Amino acid sequence: MSKNYLLIYSEQLAVETELICQSVKAASNTVFQIRKSSSSIYANIREANYGQSKADMLSKFEIALKECNETEGWLQLLYRTGGIDEKTYKNKRNLCGRIRRMLISSCKTLKEDKE
């Protein structure tokens, strides 16, 4: 059985973001929102793996893609306001980018399969 790297990376992002949130000094709304968006990526990818149809799977991946973009925005805000350092920001941003590219590819494949 092959590894599901999309699931592995999304779980890694959710866990690492949660750890950041536990230690960061930032506005409570920012912490709440980044927790919510990063964990939503992971949750939607997990749900997609048991989608009722390809359309359901595509929908979950598209939601995860939106949440990935949102997470990147919150990471940028944390970085620009001094909540996280540049190394942490770039590391998490790159992980989001990897997840985003995989989601885009998966969505494209699912859309082609529907045609």
PDB file of N, CA and C in Angstrom:
ATOM      1  N   MET A   1       0.846  -1.183   0.000  1.00  0.00           N
ATOM      2  CA  MET A   1       0.000   0.000   0.000  1.00  0.00           C
ATOM      3  C   MET A   1       0.890   1.245   0.000  1.00  0.00           C
ATOM      4  N   SER A   2       0.629   2.167  -0.905  1.00  0.00           N
ATOM      5  CA  SER A   2       1.454   3.373  -1.002  1.00  0.00           C
ATOM      6  C   SER A   2       1.060   4.380   0.076  1.00  0.00           C
ATOM      7  N   LYS A   3       2.011   5.218   0.412  1.00  0.00           N
ATOM      8  CA  LYS A   3       1.769   6.241   1.426  1.00  0.00           C
ATOM      9  C   LYS A   3       0.916   7.357   0.843  1.00  0.00           C
ATOM     10  N   ASN A   4       0.032   7.887   1.653  1.00  0.00           N
ATOM     11  CA  ASN A   4      -0.812   9.006   1.273  1.00  0.00           C
ATOM     12  C   ASN A   4      -0.118  10.284   1.761  1.00  0.00           C
ATOM     13  N   TYR A   5       0.755  10.820   0.899  1.00  0.00           N
ATOM     14  CA  TYR A   5       1.545  11.982   1.308  1.00  0.00           C
ATOM     15  C   TYR A   5       0.682  13.219   1.551  1.00  0.00           C
ATOM     16  N   LEU A   6      -0.399  13.352   0.859  1.00  0.00           N
ATOM     17  CA  LEU A   6      -1.289  14.487   1.080  1.00  0.00           C
ATOM     18  C   LEU A   6      -1.827  14.449   2.511  1.00  0.00           C
ATOM     19  N   LEU A   7      -2.221  13.288   2.951  1.00  0.00           N
ATOM     20  CA  LEU A   7      -2.701  13.133   4.325  1.00  0.00           C
ATOM     21  C   LEU A   7      -1.567  13.325   5.330  1.00  0.00           C
ATOM     22  N   ILE A   8      -0.411  12.774   5.037  1.00  0.00           N
ATOM     23  CA  ILE A   8       0.747  12.907   5.932  1.00  0.00           C
ATOM     24  C   ILE A   8       1.140  14.374   6.089  1.00  0.00           C
ATOM     25  N   TYR A   9       1.253  15.089   4.976  1.00  0.00           N
ATOM     26  CA  TYR A   9       1.664  16.494   5.045  1.00  0.00           C
ATOM     27  C   TYR A   9       0.600  17.367   5.722  1.00  0.00           C
ATOM     28  N   SER A  10      -0.667  17.080   5.459  1.00  0.00           N
ATOM     29  CA  SER A  10      -1.719  17.898   6.079  1.00  0.00           C
ATOM     30  C   SER A  10      -1.772  17.660   7.587  1.00  0.00           C
ATOM     31  N   GLU A  11      -1.531  16.432   8.016  1.00  0.00           N
ATOM     32  CA  GLU A  11      -1.481  16.153   9.453  1.00  0.00           C
ATOM     33  C   GLU A  11      -0.267  16.853  10.072  1.00  0.00           C
ATOM     34  N   GLN A  12       0.861  16.807   9.382  1.00  0.00           N
ATOM     35  CA  GLN A  12       2.071  17.482   9.864  1.00  0.00           C
ATOM     36  C   GLN A  12       1.802  18.977  10.044  1.00  0.00           C
ATOM     37  N   LEU A  13       1.162  19.587   9.061  1.00  0.00           N
ATOM     38  CA  LEU A  13       0.863  21.016   9.147  1.00  0.00           C
ATOM     39  C   LEU A  13      -0.072  21.302  10.319  1.00  0.00           C
ATOM     40  N   ALA A  14      -1.108  20.500  10.479  1.00  0.00           N
ATOM     41  CA  ALA A  14      -2.063  20.719  11.574  1.00  0.00           C
ATOM     42  C   ALA A  14      -1.373  20.591  12.931  1.00  0.00           C
ATOM     43  N   VAL A  15      -0.547  19.575  13.090  1.00  0.00           N
ATOM     44  CA  VAL A  15       0.158  19.355  14.361  1.00  0.00           C
ATOM     45  C   VAL A  15       1.143  20.496  14.631  1.00  0.00           C
ATOM     46  N   GLU A  16       1.951  20.834  13.650  1.00  0.00           N
ATOM     47  CA  GLU A  16       2.949  21.884  13.849  1.00  0.00           C
ATOM     48  C   GLU A  16       2.297  23.242  14.091  1.00  0.00           C
ATOM     49  N   THR A  17       1.190  23.498  13.426  1.00  0.00           N
ATOM     50  CA  THR A  17       0.476  24.757  13.648  1.00  0.00           C
ATOM     51  C   THR A  17      -0.111  24.797  15.046  1.00  0.00           C
ATOM     52  N   GLU A  18      -0.668  23.679  15.496  1.00  0.00           N
ATOM     53  CA  GLU A  18      -1.195  23.622  16.861  1.00  0.00           C
ATOM     54  C   GLU A  18      -0.091  23.899  17.874  1.00  0.00           C
ATOM     55  N   LEU A  19       1.083  23.335  17.663  1.00  0.00           N
ATOM     56  CA  LEU A  19       2.195  23.580  18.581  1.00  0.00           C
ATOM     57  C   LEU A  19       2.619  25.044  18.579  1.00  0.00           C
ATOM     58  N   ILE A  20       2.602  25.666  17.411  1.00  0.00           N
ATOM     59  CA  ILE A  20       2.898  27.096  17.327  1.00  0.00           C
ATOM     60  C   ILE A  20       1.856  27.875  18.126  1.00  0.00           C
ATOM     61  N   CYS A  21       0.596  27.538  17.934  1.00  0.00           N
ATOM     62  CA  CYS A  21      -0.492  28.259  18.601  1.00  0.00           C
ATOM     63  C   CYS A  21      -0.426  28.150  20.118  1.00  0.00           C
ATOM     64  N   GLN A  22       0.095  27.041  20.604  1.00  0.00           N
ATOM     65  CA  GLN A  22       0.215  26.849  22.047  1.00  0.00           C
ATOM     66  C   GLN A  22       1.275  27.748  22.669  1.00  0.00           C
ATOM     67  N   SER A  23       2.201  28.239  21.848  1.00  0.00           N
ATOM     68  CA  SER A  23       3.298  29.035  22.408  1.00  0.00           C
ATOM     69  C   SER A  23       3.363  30.469  21.895  1.00  0.00           C
ATOM     70  N   VAL A  24       2.611  30.796  20.858  1.00  0.00           N
ATOM     71  CA  VAL A  24       2.731  32.107  20.225  1.00  0.00           C
ATOM     72  C   VAL A  24       2.008  33.187  21.026  1.00  0.00           C
ATOM     73  N   LYS A  25       2.578  34.367  20.967  1.00  0.00           N
ATOM     74  CA  LYS A  25       1.928  35.540  21.546  1.00  0.00           C
ATOM     75  C   LYS A  25       1.302  36.303  20.385  1.00  0.00           C
ATOM     76  N   ALA A  26       0.012  36.133  20.237  1.00  0.00           N
ATOM     77  CA  ALA A  26      -0.712  36.796  19.145  1.00  0.00           C
ATOM     78  C   ALA A  26      -2.150  36.993  19.589  1.00  0.00           C
ATOM     79  N   ALA A  27      -2.869  37.788  18.808  1.00  0.00           N
ATOM     80  CA  ALA A  27      -4.279  38.018  19.102  1.00  0.00           C
ATOM     81  C   ALA A  27      -5.028  36.692  19.119  1.00  0.00           C
ATOM     82  N   SER A  28      -5.948  36.551  20.072  1.00  0.00           N
ATOM     83  CA  SER A  28      -6.660  35.285  20.212  1.00  0.00           C
ATOM     84  C   SER A  28      -7.431  34.930  18.942  1.00  0.00           C
ATOM     85  N   ASN A  29      -7.943  35.916  18.220  1.00  0.00           N
ATOM     86  CA  ASN A  29      -8.667  35.633  16.985  1.00  0.00           C
ATOM     87  C   ASN A  29      -7.740  35.038  15.929  1.00  0.00           C
ATOM     88  N   THR A  30      -6.536  35.562  15.825  1.00  0.00           N
ATOM     89  CA  THR A  30      -5.574  35.040  14.861  1.00  0.00           C
ATOM     90  C   THR A  30      -5.242  33.589  15.184  1.00  0.00           C
ATOM     91  N   VAL A  31      -4.981  33.308  16.437  1.00  0.00           N
ATOM     92  CA  VAL A  31      -4.654  31.947  16.862  1.00  0.00           C
ATOM     93  C   VAL A  31      -5.832  31.020  16.583  1.00  0.00           C
ATOM     94  N   PHE A  32      -7.031  31.456  16.916  1.00  0.00           N
ATOM     95  CA  PHE A  32      -8.227  30.650  16.661  1.00  0.00           C
ATOM     96  C   PHE A  32      -8.379  30.359  15.169  1.00  0.00           C
ATOM     97  N   GLN A  33      -8.224  31.378  14.345  1.00  0.00           N
ATOM     98  CA  GLN A  33      -8.435  31.222  12.904  1.00  0.00           C
ATOM     99  C   GLN A  33      -7.397  30.311  12.254  1.00  0.00           C
ATOM    100  N   ILE A  34      -6.141  30.438  12.643  1.00  0.00           N
ATOM    101  CA  ILE A  34      -5.123  29.586  12.025  1.00  0.00           C
ATOM    102  C   ILE A  34      -5.266  28.137  12.496  1.00  0.00           C
ATOM    103  N   ARG A  35      -5.670  27.959  13.744  1.00  0.00           N
ATOM    104  CA  ARG A  35      -5.954  26.595  14.225  1.00  0.00           C
ATOM    105  C   ARG A  35      -7.076  25.987  13.396  1.00  0.00           C
ATOM    106  N   LYS A  36      -8.116  26.762  13.210  1.00  0.00           N
ATOM    107  CA  LYS A  36      -9.302  26.298  12.492  1.00  0.00           C
ATOM    108  C   LYS A  36      -8.971  25.960  11.042  1.00  0.00           C
ATOM    109  N   SER A  37      -8.269  26.845  10.358  1.00  0.00           N
ATOM    110  CA  SER A  37      -8.002  26.619   8.934  1.00  0.00           C
ATOM    111  C   SER A  37      -7.021  25.474   8.711  1.00  0.00           C
ATOM    112  N   SER A  38      -5.976  25.380   9.527  1.00  0.00           N
ATOM    113  CA  SER A  38      -4.989  24.311   9.320  1.00  0.00           C
ATOM    114  C   SER A  38      -5.570  22.943   9.665  1.00  0.00           C
ATOM    115  N   SER A  39      -6.377  22.877  10.704  1.00  0.00           N
ATOM    116  CA  SER A  39      -6.983  21.586  11.047  1.00  0.00           C
ATOM    117  C   SER A  39      -8.068  21.209  10.039  1.00  0.00           C
ATOM    118  N   SER A  40      -8.690  22.201   9.421  1.00  0.00           N
ATOM    119  CA  SER A  40      -9.701  21.929   8.400  1.00  0.00           C
ATOM    120  C   SER A  40      -9.093  21.296   7.150  1.00  0.00           C
ATOM    121  N   ILE A  41      -7.876  21.690   6.813  1.00  0.00           N
ATOM    122  CA  ILE A  41      -7.187  21.066   5.671  1.00  0.00           C
ATOM    123  C   ILE A  41      -7.099  19.567   5.926  1.00  0.00           C
ATOM    124  N   TYR A  42      -6.584  19.225   7.081  1.00  0.00           N
ATOM    125  CA  TYR A  42      -6.404  17.826   7.464  1.00  0.00           C
ATOM    126  C   TYR A  42      -7.752  17.085   7.497  1.00  0.00           C
ATOM    127  N   ALA A  43      -8.738  17.687   8.133  1.00  0.00           N
ATOM    128  CA  ALA A  43     -10.046  17.039   8.264  1.00  0.00           C
ATOM    129  C   ALA A  43     -10.699  16.790   6.901  1.00  0.00           C
ATOM    130  N   ASN A  44     -10.627  17.768   6.016  1.00  0.00           N
ATOM    131  CA  ASN A  44     -11.257  17.608   4.698  1.00  0.00           C
ATOM    132  C   ASN A  44     -10.531  16.578   3.838  1.00  0.00           C
ATOM    133  N   ILE A  45      -9.228  16.498   3.955  1.00  0.00           N
ATOM    134  CA  ILE A  45      -8.477  15.482   3.211  1.00  0.00           C
ATOM    135  C   ILE A  45      -8.826  14.094   3.745  1.00  0.00           C
ATOM    136  N   ARG A  46      -8.941  13.962   5.054  1.00  0.00           N
ATOM    137  CA  ARG A  46      -9.356  12.670   5.628  1.00  0.00           C
ATOM    138  C   ARG A  46     -10.752  12.293   5.145  1.00  0.00           C
ATOM    139  N   GLU A  47     -11.668  13.259   5.159  1.00  0.00           N
ATOM    140  CA  GLU A  47     -13.034  12.989   4.699  1.00  0.00           C
ATOM    141  C   GLU A  47     -13.052  12.602   3.225  1.00  0.00           C
ATOM    142  N   ALA A  48     -12.223  13.260   2.429  1.00  0.00           N
ATOM    143  CA  ALA A  48     -12.187  12.973   0.990  1.00  0.00           C
ATOM    144  C   ALA A  48     -11.793  11.528   0.716  1.00  0.00           C
ATOM    145  N   ASN A  49     -10.959  10.977   1.571  1.00  0.00           N
ATOM    146  CA  ASN A  49     -10.518   9.593   1.383  1.00  0.00           C
ATOM    147  C   ASN A  49     -11.669   8.598   1.522  1.00  0.00           C
ATOM    148  N   TYR A  50     -12.763   9.032   2.101  1.00  0.00           N
ATOM    149  CA  TYR A  50     -13.952   8.181   2.233  1.00  0.00           C
ATOM    150  C   TYR A  50     -15.167   8.864   1.614  1.00  0.00           C
ATOM    151  N   GLY A  51     -14.913   9.626   0.566  1.00  0.00           N
ATOM    152  CA  GLY A  51     -16.000  10.320  -0.121  1.00  0.00           C
ATOM    153  C   GLY A  51     -17.022   9.349  -0.684  1.00  0.00           C
ATOM    154  N   GLN A  52     -18.260   9.793  -0.745  1.00  0.00           N
ATOM    155  CA  GLN A  52     -19.341   8.954  -1.257  1.00  0.00           C
ATOM    156  C   GLN A  52     -19.289   8.835  -2.772  1.00  0.00           C
ATOM    157  N   SER A  53     -18.591   9.765  -3.399  1.00  0.00           N
ATOM    158  CA  SER A  53     -18.470   9.770  -4.852  1.00  0.00           C
ATOM    159  C   SER A  53     -17.247  10.603  -5.216  1.00  0.00           C
ATOM    160  N   LYS A  54     -16.893  10.599  -6.500  1.00  0.00           N
ATOM    161  CA  LYS A  54     -15.779  11.451  -6.945  1.00  0.00           C
ATOM    162  C   LYS A  54     -16.127  12.917  -6.756  1.00  0.00           C
ATOM    163  N   ALA A  55     -17.402  13.259  -6.963  1.00  0.00           N
ATOM    164  CA  ALA A  55     -17.836  14.643  -6.764  1.00  0.00           C
ATOM    165  C   ALA A  55     -17.678  15.054  -5.300  1.00  0.00           C
ATOM    166  N   ASP A  56     -17.998  14.159  -4.390  1.00  0.00           N
ATOM    167  CA  ASP A  56     -17.845  14.435  -2.966  1.00  0.00           C
ATOM    168  C   ASP A  56     -16.366  14.597  -2.617  1.00  0.00           C
ATOM    169  N   MET A  57     -15.549  13.722  -3.168  1.00  0.00           N
ATOM    170  CA  MET A  57     -14.102  13.793  -2.942  1.00  0.00           C
ATOM    171  C   MET A  57     -13.547  15.114  -3.473  1.00  0.00           C
ATOM    172  N   LEU A  58     -13.966  15.498  -4.658  1.00  0.00           N
ATOM    173  CA  LEU A  58     -13.528  16.751  -5.266  1.00  0.00           C
ATOM    174  C   LEU A  58     -13.941  17.934  -4.389  1.00  0.00           C
ATOM    175  N   SER A  59     -15.155  17.906  -3.903  1.00  0.00           N
ATOM    176  CA  SER A  59     -15.644  18.993  -3.054  1.00  0.00           C
ATOM    177  C   SER A  59     -14.788  19.145  -1.801  1.00  0.00           C
ATOM    178  N   LYS A  60     -14.451  18.037  -1.165  1.00  0.00           N
ATOM    179  CA  LYS A  60     -13.617  18.081   0.051  1.00  0.00           C
ATOM    180  C   LYS A  60     -12.217  18.604  -0.268  1.00  0.00           C
ATOM    181  N   PHE A  61     -11.648  18.169  -1.395  1.00  0.00           N
ATOM    182  CA  PHE A  61     -10.327  18.652  -1.784  1.00  0.00           C
ATOM    183  C   PHE A  61     -10.360  20.152  -2.089  1.00  0.00           C
ATOM    184  N   GLU A  62     -11.432  20.624  -2.722  1.00  0.00           N
ATOM    185  CA  GLU A  62     -11.535  22.051  -3.029  1.00  0.00           C
ATOM    186  C   GLU A  62     -11.672  22.884  -1.755  1.00  0.00           C
ATOM    187  N   ILE A  63     -12.397  22.365  -0.774  1.00  0.00           N
ATOM    188  CA  ILE A  63     -12.496  23.059   0.517  1.00  0.00           C
ATOM    189  C   ILE A  63     -11.121  23.097   1.179  1.00  0.00           C
ATOM    190  N   ALA A  64     -10.410  21.974   1.158  1.00  0.00           N
ATOM    191  CA  ALA A  64      -9.064  21.910   1.741  1.00  0.00           C
ATOM    192  C   ALA A  64      -8.135  22.911   1.053  1.00  0.00           C
ATOM    193  N   LEU A  65      -8.291  23.058  -0.253  1.00  0.00           N
ATOM    194  CA  LEU A  65      -7.478  24.009  -1.011  1.00  0.00           C
ATOM    195  C   LEU A  65      -7.731  25.444  -0.539  1.00  0.00           C
ATOM    196  N   LYS A  66      -8.983  25.795  -0.328  1.00  0.00           N
ATOM    197  CA  LYS A  66      -9.319  27.131   0.183  1.00  0.00           C
ATOM    198  C   LYS A  66      -8.749  27.335   1.583  1.00  0.00           C
ATOM    199  N   GLU A  67      -8.868  26.315   2.417  1.00  0.00           N
ATOM    200  CA  GLU A  67      -8.352  26.410   3.783  1.00  0.00           C
ATOM    201  C   GLU A  67      -6.824  26.522   3.793  1.00  0.00           C
ATOM    202  N   CYS A  68      -6.180  25.879   2.831  1.00  0.00           N
ATOM    203  CA  CYS A  68      -4.730  25.963   2.711  1.00  0.00           C
ATOM    204  C   CYS A  68      -4.312  27.404   2.401  1.00  0.00           C
ATOM    205  N   ASN A  69      -5.028  28.030   1.494  1.00  0.00           N
ATOM    206  CA  ASN A  69      -4.755  29.426   1.166  1.00  0.00           C
ATOM    207  C   ASN A  69      -4.983  30.322   2.384  1.00  0.00           C
ATOM    208  N   GLU A  70      -6.051  30.047   3.125  1.00  0.00           N
ATOM    209  CA  GLU A  70      -6.332  30.834   4.324  1.00  0.00           C
ATOM    210  C   GLU A  70      -5.222  30.659   5.362  1.00  0.00           C
ATOM    211  N   THR A  71      -4.773  29.428   5.545  1.00  0.00           N
ATOM    212  CA  THR A  71      -3.708  29.159   6.502  1.00  0.00           C
ATOM    213  C   THR A  71      -2.445  29.932   6.148  1.00  0.00           C
ATOM    214  N   GLU A  72      -2.117  29.959   4.867  1.00  0.00           N
ATOM    215  CA  GLU A  72      -0.945  30.731   4.431  1.00  0.00           C
ATOM    216  C   GLU A  72      -1.099  32.201   4.792  1.00  0.00           C
ATOM    217  N   GLY A  73      -2.294  32.727   4.643  1.00  0.00           N
ATOM    218  CA  GLY A  73      -2.547  34.127   4.999  1.00  0.00           C
ATOM    219  C   GLY A  73      -2.356  34.387   6.484  1.00  0.00           C
ATOM    220  N   TRP A  74      -2.857  33.483   7.327  1.00  0.00           N
ATOM    221  CA  TRP A  74      -2.691  33.646   8.770  1.00  0.00           C
ATOM    222  C   TRP A  74      -1.235  33.497   9.176  1.00  0.00           C
ATOM    223  N   LEU A  75      -0.510  32.590   8.524  1.00  0.00           N
ATOM    224  CA  LEU A  75       0.924  32.455   8.793  1.00  0.00           C
ATOM    225  C   LEU A  75       1.659  33.744   8.456  1.00  0.00           C
ATOM    226  N   GLN A  76       1.299  34.332   7.334  1.00  0.00           N
ATOM    227  CA  GLN A  76       1.923  35.592   6.930  1.00  0.00           C
ATOM    228  C   GLN A  76       1.632  36.683   7.957  1.00  0.00           C
ATOM    229  N   LEU A  77       0.405  36.729   8.439  1.00  0.00           N
ATOM    230  CA  LEU A  77       0.038  37.719   9.446  1.00  0.00           C
ATOM    231  C   LEU A  77       0.833  37.500  10.741  1.00  0.00           C
ATOM    232  N   LEU A  78       0.946  36.241  11.155  1.00  0.00           N
ATOM    233  CA  LEU A  78       1.738  35.947  12.355  1.00  0.00           C
ATOM    234  C   LEU A  78       3.194  36.379  12.185  1.00  0.00           C
ATOM    235  N   TYR A  79       3.735  36.121  11.017  1.00  0.00           N
ATOM    236  CA  TYR A  79       5.120  36.504  10.750  1.00  0.00           C
ATOM    237  C   TYR A  79       5.285  38.022  10.755  1.00  0.00           C
ATOM    238  N   ARG A  80       4.413  38.712  10.064  1.00  0.00           N
ATOM    239  CA  ARG A  80       4.541  40.172   9.939  1.00  0.00           C
ATOM    240  C   ARG A  80       4.281  40.919  11.245  1.00  0.00           C
ATOM    241  N   THR A  81       3.588  40.262  12.167  1.00  0.00           N
ATOM    242  CA  THR A  81       3.328  40.891  13.460  1.00  0.00           C
ATOM    243  C   THR A  81       4.274  40.380  14.547  1.00  0.00           C
ATOM    244  N   GLY A  82       5.272  39.593  14.157  1.00  0.00           N
ATOM    245  CA  GLY A  82       6.279  39.136  15.100  1.00  0.00           C
ATOM    246  C   GLY A  82       5.889  37.913  15.920  1.00  0.00           C
ATOM    247  N   GLY A  83       4.806  37.265  15.564  1.00  0.00           N
ATOM    248  CA  GLY A  83       4.371  36.086  16.305  1.00  0.00           C
ATOM    249  C   GLY A  83       5.241  34.865  16.049  1.00  0.00           C
ATOM    250  N   ILE A  84       5.776  34.767  14.823  1.00  0.00           N
ATOM    251  CA  ILE A  84       6.682  33.672  14.483  1.00  0.00           C
ATOM    252  C   ILE A  84       7.877  34.243  13.732  1.00  0.00           C
ATOM    253  N   ASP A  85       8.994  33.527  13.802  1.00  0.00           N
ATOM    254  CA  ASP A  85      10.199  33.999  13.124  1.00  0.00           C
ATOM    255  C   ASP A  85      10.173  33.620  11.633  1.00  0.00           C
ATOM    256  N   GLU A  86      11.118  34.164  10.905  1.00  0.00           N
ATOM    257  CA  GLU A  86      11.161  33.969   9.456  1.00  0.00           C
ATOM    258  C   GLU A  86      11.351  32.498   9.074  1.00  0.00           C
ATOM    259  N   LYS A  87      12.202  31.800   9.788  1.00  0.00           N
ATOM    260  CA  LYS A  87      12.457  30.387   9.482  1.00  0.00           C
ATOM    261  C   LYS A  87      11.181  29.555   9.648  1.00  0.00           C
ATOM    262  N   THR A  88      10.476  29.778  10.732  1.00  0.00           N
ATOM    263  CA  THR A  88       9.217  29.059  10.974  1.00  0.00           C
ATOM    264  C   THR A  88       8.202  29.401   9.895  1.00  0.00           C
ATOM    265  N   TYR A  89       8.095  30.686   9.591  1.00  0.00           N
ATOM    266  CA  TYR A  89       7.150  31.129   8.564  1.00  0.00           C
ATOM    267  C   TYR A  89       7.443  30.460   7.227  1.00  0.00           C
ATOM    268  N   LYS A  90       8.682  30.505   6.789  1.00  0.00           N
ATOM    269  CA  LYS A  90       9.040  29.933   5.489  1.00  0.00           C
ATOM    270  C   LYS A  90       8.831  28.422   5.467  1.00  0.00           C
ATOM    271  N   ASN A  91       9.152  27.758   6.555  1.00  0.00           N
ATOM    272  CA  ASN A  91       8.964  26.317   6.639  1.00  0.00           C
ATOM    273  C   ASN A  91       7.484  25.939   6.494  1.00  0.00           C
ATOM    274  N   LYS A  92       6.627  26.615   7.224  1.00  0.00           N
ATOM    275  CA  LYS A  92       5.184  26.312   7.176  1.00  0.00           C
ATOM    276  C   LYS A  92       4.582  26.765   5.842  1.00  0.00           C
ATOM    277  N   ARG A  93       5.038  27.891   5.321  1.00  0.00           N
ATOM    278  CA  ARG A  93       4.553  28.361   4.022  1.00  0.00           C
ATOM    279  C   ARG A  93       4.912  27.356   2.933  1.00  0.00           C
ATOM    280  N   ASN A  94       6.123  26.810   2.988  1.00  0.00           N
ATOM    281  CA  ASN A  94       6.536  25.813   2.004  1.00  0.00           C
ATOM    282  C   ASN A  94       5.722  24.530   2.128  1.00  0.00           C
ATOM    283  N   LEU A  95       5.408  24.145   3.351  1.00  0.00           N
ATOM    284  CA  LEU A  95       4.572  22.961   3.559  1.00  0.00           C
ATOM    285  C   LEU A  95       3.171  23.204   3.000  1.00  0.00           C
ATOM    286  N   CYS A  96       2.628  24.387   3.231  1.00  0.00           N
ATOM    287  CA  CYS A  96       1.328  24.745   2.645  1.00  0.00           C
ATOM    288  C   CYS A  96       1.400  24.689   1.117  1.00  0.00           C
ATOM    289  N   GLY A  97       2.482  25.190   0.559  1.00  0.00           N
ATOM    290  CA  GLY A  97       2.649  25.175  -0.895  1.00  0.00           C
ATOM    291  C   GLY A  97       2.687  23.761  -1.445  1.00  0.00           C
ATOM    292  N   ARG A  98       3.363  22.871  -0.751  1.00  0.00           N
ATOM    293  CA  ARG A  98       3.426  21.467  -1.172  1.00  0.00           C
ATOM    294  C   ARG A  98       2.027  20.851  -1.150  1.00  0.00           C
ATOM    295  N   ILE A  99       1.291  21.100  -0.068  1.00  0.00           N
ATOM    296  CA  ILE A  99      -0.075  20.580   0.054  1.00  0.00           C
ATOM    297  C   ILE A  99      -0.952  21.170  -1.041  1.00  0.00           C
ATOM    298  N   ARG A 100      -0.828  22.471  -1.253  1.00  0.00           N
ATOM    299  CA  ARG A 100      -1.643  23.152  -2.265  1.00  0.00           C
ATOM    300  C   ARG A 100      -1.416  22.557  -3.645  1.00  0.00           C
ATOM    301  N   ARG A 101      -0.156  22.337  -4.011  1.00  0.00           N
ATOM    302  CA  ARG A 101       0.143  21.760  -5.330  1.00  0.00           C
ATOM    303  C   ARG A 101      -0.425  20.349  -5.470  1.00  0.00           C
ATOM    304  N   MET A 102      -0.356  19.579  -4.413  1.00  0.00           N
ATOM    305  CA  MET A 102      -0.908  18.229  -4.448  1.00  0.00           C
ATOM    306  C   MET A 102      -2.434  18.272  -4.567  1.00  0.00           C
ATOM    307  N   LEU A 103      -3.061  19.196  -3.870  1.00  0.00           N
ATOM    308  CA  LEU A 103      -4.519  19.335  -3.957  1.00  0.00           C
ATOM    309  C   LEU A 103      -4.951  19.781  -5.350  1.00  0.00           C
ATOM    310  N   ILE A 104      -4.229  20.729  -5.917  1.00  0.00           N
ATOM    311  CA  ILE A 104      -4.555  21.191  -7.273  1.00  0.00           C
ATOM    312  C   ILE A 104      -4.461  20.039  -8.258  1.00  0.00           C
ATOM    313  N   SER A 105      -3.412  19.253  -8.142  1.00  0.00           N
ATOM    314  CA  SER A 105      -3.233  18.100  -9.020  1.00  0.00           C
ATOM    315  C   SER A 105      -4.351  17.077  -8.828  1.00  0.00           C
ATOM    316  N   SER A 106      -4.703  16.823  -7.585  1.00  0.00           N
ATOM    317  CA  SER A 106      -5.773  15.862  -7.292  1.00  0.00           C
ATOM    318  C   SER A 106      -7.112  16.358  -7.836  1.00  0.00           C
ATOM    319  N   CYS A 107      -7.392  17.642  -7.664  1.00  0.00           N
ATOM    320  CA  CYS A 107      -8.652  18.213  -8.186  1.00  0.00           C
ATOM    321  C   CYS A 107      -8.688  18.111  -9.705  1.00  0.00           C
ATOM    322  N   LYS A 108      -7.582  18.415 -10.334  1.00  0.00           N
ATOM    323  CA  LYS A 108      -7.509  18.345 -11.795  1.00  0.00           C
ATOM    324  C   LYS A 108      -7.770  16.918 -12.270  1.00  0.00           C
ATOM    325  N   THR A 109      -7.160  15.948 -11.631  1.00  0.00           N
ATOM    326  CA  THR A 109      -7.363  14.538 -12.000  1.00  0.00           C
ATOM    327  C   THR A 109      -8.814  14.132 -11.833  1.00  0.00           C
ATOM    328  N   LEU A 110      -9.409  14.521 -10.697  1.00  0.00           N
ATOM    329  CA  LEU A 110     -10.813  14.170 -10.452  1.00  0.00           C
ATOM    330  C   LEU A 110     -11.750  14.808 -11.469  1.00  0.00           C
ATOM    331  N   LYS A 111     -11.454  16.044 -11.850  1.00  0.00           N
ATOM    332  CA  LYS A 111     -12.275  16.715 -12.861  1.00  0.00           C
ATOM    333  C   LYS A 111     -12.141  16.058 -14.215  1.00  0.00           C
ATOM    334  N   GLU A 112     -10.941  15.624 -14.573  1.00  0.00           N
ATOM    335  CA  GLU A 112     -10.737  14.934 -15.840  1.00  0.00           C
ATOM    336  C   GLU A 112     -11.439  13.590 -15.864  1.00  0.00           C
ATOM    337  N   ASP A 113     -11.469  12.904 -14.740  1.00  0.00           N
ATOM    338  CA  ASP A 113     -12.142  11.607 -14.642  1.00  0.00           C
ATOM    339  C   ASP A 113     -13.645  11.741 -14.810  1.00  0.00           C
ATOM    340  N   LYS A 114     -14.188  12.906 -14.451  1.00  0.00           N
ATOM    341  CA  LYS A 114     -15.634  13.136 -14.567  1.00  0.00           C
ATOM    342  C   LYS A 114     -16.051  13.318 -16.027  1.00  0.00           C
ATOM    343  N   GLU A 115     -15.125  13.780 -16.851  1.00  0.00           N
ATOM    344  CA  GLU A 115     -15.460  14.099 -18.249  1.00  0.00           C
ATOM    345  C   GLU A 115     -15.568  12.871 -19.099  1.00  0.00           C
TER     346      GLU A 115
END
